[in-house]
Amino acid sequence: MQVTTISGFRANIKQFYDNVLLTEEPLIITKGDTGAVLISLREYNSMQRSLELLKNSSAMRDLREAALQMKAGELIEVTDIDAL
């Protein structure tokens, strides 16, 4: 994870922007005791989808059940997703 000051960010905005897109690593931009984070749109969208899943109690129940089944070794191999 990269960290820079607001001054460093201003001076090299294109380089930082391109690097965030290339590496998909967030950039922390500090200013005194505060800061902000620059992330790629792809990472942001992924985080939003994860938050929506966390808000959905039915989806969370399904995820917990799947985790328990995986721990118990109750796995199936899927080679053709259309067959499900």
N, C-alpha and C. Protein backbone atom coordinates (compact mmCIF):
# COMPACT_ATOMS: atom_id res chain seq x y z
N MET A 1 0.85 -1.17 0.00
CA MET A 1 0.00 0.00 0.00
C MET A 1 0.89 1.23 0.00
N GLN A 2 0.58 2.15 -0.88
CA GLN A 2 1.36 3.38 -0.98
C GLN A 2 0.76 4.46 -0.09
N VAL A 3 1.63 5.33 0.39
CA VAL A 3 1.21 6.47 1.19
C VAL A 3 1.94 7.70 0.66
N THR A 4 1.21 8.79 0.53
CA THR A 4 1.82 10.05 0.12
C THR A 4 1.09 11.19 0.82
N THR A 5 1.72 12.33 0.80
CA THR A 5 1.08 13.54 1.34
C THR A 5 0.23 14.16 0.24
N ILE A 6 -0.63 15.08 0.62
CA ILE A 6 -1.44 15.78 -0.36
C ILE A 6 -0.55 16.54 -1.34
N SER A 7 0.55 17.10 -0.85
CA SER A 7 1.48 17.82 -1.73
C SER A 7 2.13 16.88 -2.73
N GLY A 8 2.56 15.71 -2.26
CA GLY A 8 3.15 14.71 -3.15
C GLY A 8 2.14 14.21 -4.17
N PHE A 9 0.89 14.07 -3.73
CA PHE A 9 -0.16 13.63 -4.64
C PHE A 9 -0.39 14.67 -5.73
N ARG A 10 -0.49 15.93 -5.33
CA ARG A 10 -0.69 17.01 -6.32
C ARG A 10 0.44 17.03 -7.36
N ALA A 11 1.65 16.85 -6.88
CA ALA A 11 2.81 16.94 -7.77
C ALA A 11 2.90 15.76 -8.74
N ASN A 12 2.32 14.62 -8.36
CA ASN A 12 2.46 13.40 -9.17
C ASN A 12 1.13 12.70 -9.40
N ILE A 13 0.08 13.46 -9.55
CA ILE A 13 -1.27 12.88 -9.60
C ILE A 13 -1.41 11.83 -10.70
N LYS A 14 -0.90 12.09 -11.89
CA LYS A 14 -1.05 11.11 -12.98
C LYS A 14 -0.32 9.82 -12.66
N GLN A 15 0.89 9.92 -12.13
CA GLN A 15 1.66 8.72 -11.79
C GLN A 15 0.93 7.91 -10.72
N PHE A 16 0.44 8.57 -9.68
CA PHE A 16 -0.30 7.85 -8.63
C PHE A 16 -1.57 7.22 -9.17
N TYR A 17 -2.30 7.98 -9.97
CA TYR A 17 -3.55 7.48 -10.56
C TYR A 17 -3.27 6.23 -11.41
N ASP A 18 -2.29 6.33 -12.30
CA ASP A 18 -1.96 5.20 -13.16
C ASP A 18 -1.52 3.99 -12.34
N ASN A 19 -0.76 4.22 -11.28
CA ASN A 19 -0.28 3.12 -10.45
C ASN A 19 -1.43 2.42 -9.72
N VAL A 20 -2.39 3.19 -9.23
CA VAL A 20 -3.55 2.59 -8.56
C VAL A 20 -4.31 1.70 -9.55
N LEU A 21 -4.49 2.17 -10.76
CA LEU A 21 -5.19 1.37 -11.77
C LEU A 21 -4.39 0.14 -12.16
N LEU A 22 -3.08 0.27 -12.28
CA LEU A 22 -2.23 -0.84 -12.70
C LEU A 22 -2.11 -1.91 -11.62
N THR A 23 -1.87 -1.49 -10.37
CA THR A 23 -1.61 -2.45 -9.30
C THR A 23 -2.87 -2.85 -8.52
N GLU A 24 -3.93 -2.05 -8.64
CA GLU A 24 -5.16 -2.24 -7.87
C GLU A 24 -4.91 -2.11 -6.36
N GLU A 25 -3.79 -1.50 -5.99
CA GLU A 25 -3.50 -1.22 -4.59
C GLU A 25 -3.98 0.18 -4.24
N PRO A 26 -4.57 0.34 -3.06
CA PRO A 26 -5.03 1.67 -2.67
C PRO A 26 -3.87 2.62 -2.39
N LEU A 27 -4.15 3.89 -2.50
CA LEU A 27 -3.19 4.94 -2.19
C LEU A 27 -3.75 5.76 -1.04
N ILE A 28 -3.00 5.85 0.04
CA ILE A 28 -3.40 6.70 1.17
C ILE A 28 -2.78 8.07 0.97
N ILE A 29 -3.62 9.09 1.03
CA ILE A 29 -3.18 10.47 0.85
C ILE A 29 -3.40 11.19 2.17
N THR A 30 -2.31 11.62 2.80
CA THR A 30 -2.41 12.24 4.12
C THR A 30 -2.32 13.76 4.03
N LYS A 31 -2.98 14.39 4.99
CA LYS A 31 -2.91 15.84 5.15
C LYS A 31 -3.05 16.12 6.64
N GLY A 32 -1.93 16.36 7.29
CA GLY A 32 -1.97 16.54 8.74
C GLY A 32 -2.42 15.26 9.42
N ASP A 33 -3.43 15.38 10.28
CA ASP A 33 -3.95 14.22 11.01
C ASP A 33 -5.06 13.49 10.27
N THR A 34 -5.39 13.94 9.06
CA THR A 34 -6.48 13.31 8.31
C THR A 34 -5.94 12.66 7.06
N GLY A 35 -6.80 12.02 6.34
CA GLY A 35 -6.37 11.38 5.11
C GLY A 35 -7.54 10.91 4.28
N ALA A 36 -7.22 10.48 3.10
CA ALA A 36 -8.20 9.92 2.18
C ALA A 36 -7.54 8.74 1.47
N VAL A 37 -8.37 7.95 0.81
CA VAL A 37 -7.86 6.78 0.11
C VAL A 37 -8.33 6.83 -1.34
N LEU A 38 -7.41 6.60 -2.26
CA LEU A 38 -7.74 6.50 -3.68
C LEU A 38 -7.70 5.02 -4.04
N ILE A 39 -8.82 4.53 -4.56
CA ILE A 39 -8.89 3.14 -5.01
C ILE A 39 -9.43 3.11 -6.43
N SER A 40 -9.19 2.00 -7.12
CA SER A 40 -9.69 1.86 -8.48
C SER A 40 -11.21 1.71 -8.45
N LEU A 41 -11.84 2.05 -9.55
CA LEU A 41 -13.29 1.88 -9.67
C LEU A 41 -13.66 0.41 -9.54
N ARG A 42 -12.83 -0.45 -10.08
CA ARG A 42 -13.09 -1.90 -9.98
C ARG A 42 -13.11 -2.35 -8.51
N GLU A 43 -12.15 -1.87 -7.72
CA GLU A 43 -12.10 -2.22 -6.30
C GLU A 43 -13.30 -1.64 -5.56
N TYR A 44 -13.66 -0.40 -5.88
CA TYR A 44 -14.81 0.24 -5.26
C TYR A 44 -16.09 -0.56 -5.54
N ASN A 45 -16.30 -0.94 -6.80
CA ASN A 45 -17.49 -1.72 -7.15
C ASN A 45 -17.51 -3.06 -6.44
N SER A 46 -16.36 -3.69 -6.31
CA SER A 46 -16.27 -4.95 -5.59
C SER A 46 -16.66 -4.78 -4.12
N MET A 47 -16.18 -3.71 -3.52
CA MET A 47 -16.51 -3.44 -2.12
C MET A 47 -18.01 -3.17 -1.96
N GLN A 48 -18.60 -2.46 -2.90
CA GLN A 48 -20.04 -2.18 -2.84
C GLN A 48 -20.85 -3.47 -2.94
N ARG A 49 -20.44 -4.38 -3.84
CA ARG A 49 -21.14 -5.67 -3.95
C ARG A 49 -21.02 -6.46 -2.66
N SER A 50 -19.84 -6.43 -2.05
CA SER A 50 -19.65 -7.14 -0.78
C SER A 50 -20.53 -6.56 0.31
N LEU A 51 -20.64 -5.26 0.37
CA LEU A 51 -21.51 -4.61 1.37
C LEU A 51 -22.96 -5.00 1.17
N GLU A 52 -23.39 -5.06 -0.08
CA GLU A 52 -24.77 -5.46 -0.36
C GLU A 52 -25.03 -6.89 0.12
N LEU A 53 -24.06 -7.78 -0.10
CA LEU A 53 -24.20 -9.16 0.39
C LEU A 53 -24.29 -9.20 1.91
N LEU A 54 -23.45 -8.40 2.57
CA LEU A 54 -23.45 -8.38 4.03
C LEU A 54 -24.78 -7.87 4.59
N LYS A 55 -25.45 -7.00 3.86
CA LYS A 55 -26.74 -6.46 4.30
C LYS A 55 -27.87 -7.45 4.09
N ASN A 56 -27.66 -8.44 3.22
CA ASN A 56 -28.71 -9.39 2.85
C ASN A 56 -28.62 -10.61 3.77
N SER A 57 -29.57 -10.72 4.70
CA SER A 57 -29.51 -11.80 5.69
C SER A 57 -29.63 -13.18 5.04
N SER A 58 -30.40 -13.30 3.99
CA SER A 58 -30.54 -14.58 3.30
C SER A 58 -29.21 -14.99 2.66
N ALA A 59 -28.55 -14.04 2.02
CA ALA A 59 -27.26 -14.34 1.39
C ALA A 59 -26.23 -14.71 2.44
N MET A 60 -26.23 -14.01 3.56
CA MET A 60 -25.28 -14.31 4.63
C MET A 60 -25.53 -15.70 5.21
N ARG A 61 -26.78 -16.06 5.35
CA ARG A 61 -27.12 -17.41 5.85
C ARG A 61 -26.58 -18.46 4.88
N ASP A 62 -26.77 -18.22 3.58
CA ASP A 62 -26.26 -19.16 2.57
C ASP A 62 -24.74 -19.25 2.61
N LEU A 63 -24.06 -18.12 2.79
CA LEU A 63 -22.60 -18.13 2.87
C LEU A 63 -22.11 -18.89 4.10
N ARG A 64 -22.77 -18.68 5.24
CA ARG A 64 -22.39 -19.42 6.45
C ARG A 64 -22.58 -20.93 6.26
N GLU A 65 -23.70 -21.31 5.66
CA GLU A 65 -23.98 -22.72 5.41
C GLU A 65 -22.92 -23.31 4.46
N ALA A 66 -22.56 -22.57 3.44
CA ALA A 66 -21.54 -23.05 2.50
C ALA A 66 -20.19 -23.21 3.20
N ALA A 67 -19.86 -22.29 4.09
CA ALA A 67 -18.60 -22.38 4.83
C ALA A 67 -18.59 -23.61 5.72
N LEU A 68 -19.70 -23.89 6.38
CA LEU A 68 -19.79 -25.08 7.23
C LEU A 68 -19.67 -26.36 6.40
N GLN A 69 -20.31 -26.37 5.25
CA GLN A 69 -20.21 -27.54 4.37
C GLN A 69 -18.78 -27.73 3.87
N MET A 70 -18.12 -26.65 3.57
CA MET A 70 -16.74 -26.74 3.10
C MET A 70 -15.84 -27.28 4.20
N LYS A 71 -16.04 -26.79 5.45
CA LYS A 71 -15.25 -27.30 6.57
C LYS A 71 -15.47 -28.79 6.79
N ALA A 72 -16.69 -29.24 6.55
CA ALA A 72 -17.03 -30.64 6.76
C ALA A 72 -16.60 -31.51 5.57
N GLY A 73 -16.01 -30.89 4.56
CA GLY A 73 -15.56 -31.64 3.40
C GLY A 73 -16.66 -32.00 2.43
N GLU A 74 -17.80 -31.36 2.56
CA GLU A 74 -18.93 -31.62 1.68
C GLU A 74 -18.84 -30.75 0.43
N LEU A 75 -17.86 -31.06 -0.40
CA LEU A 75 -17.63 -30.28 -1.60
C LEU A 75 -18.04 -31.06 -2.83
N ILE A 76 -18.48 -30.34 -3.84
CA ILE A 76 -18.76 -30.97 -5.12
C ILE A 76 -17.94 -30.25 -6.18
N GLU A 77 -17.51 -30.97 -7.18
CA GLU A 77 -16.76 -30.37 -8.27
C GLU A 77 -17.73 -30.01 -9.38
N VAL A 78 -17.67 -28.77 -9.80
CA VAL A 78 -18.54 -28.30 -10.87
C VAL A 78 -17.67 -28.00 -12.08
N THR A 79 -17.96 -28.69 -13.17
CA THR A 79 -17.20 -28.45 -14.39
C THR A 79 -18.03 -27.69 -15.41
N ASP A 80 -19.34 -27.74 -15.27
CA ASP A 80 -20.23 -27.03 -16.18
C ASP A 80 -21.27 -26.27 -15.37
N ILE A 81 -21.06 -24.97 -15.23
CA ILE A 81 -21.94 -24.17 -14.39
C ILE A 81 -23.36 -24.14 -14.93
N ASP A 82 -23.53 -24.32 -16.22
CA ASP A 82 -24.88 -24.33 -16.82
C ASP A 82 -25.66 -25.57 -16.39
N ALA A 83 -24.98 -26.59 -15.91
CA ALA A 83 -25.65 -27.81 -15.50
C ALA A 83 -26.28 -27.67 -14.12
N LEU A 84 -25.95 -26.64 -13.39
CA LEU A 84 -26.51 -26.45 -12.04
C LEU A 84 -27.94 -26.04 -12.05
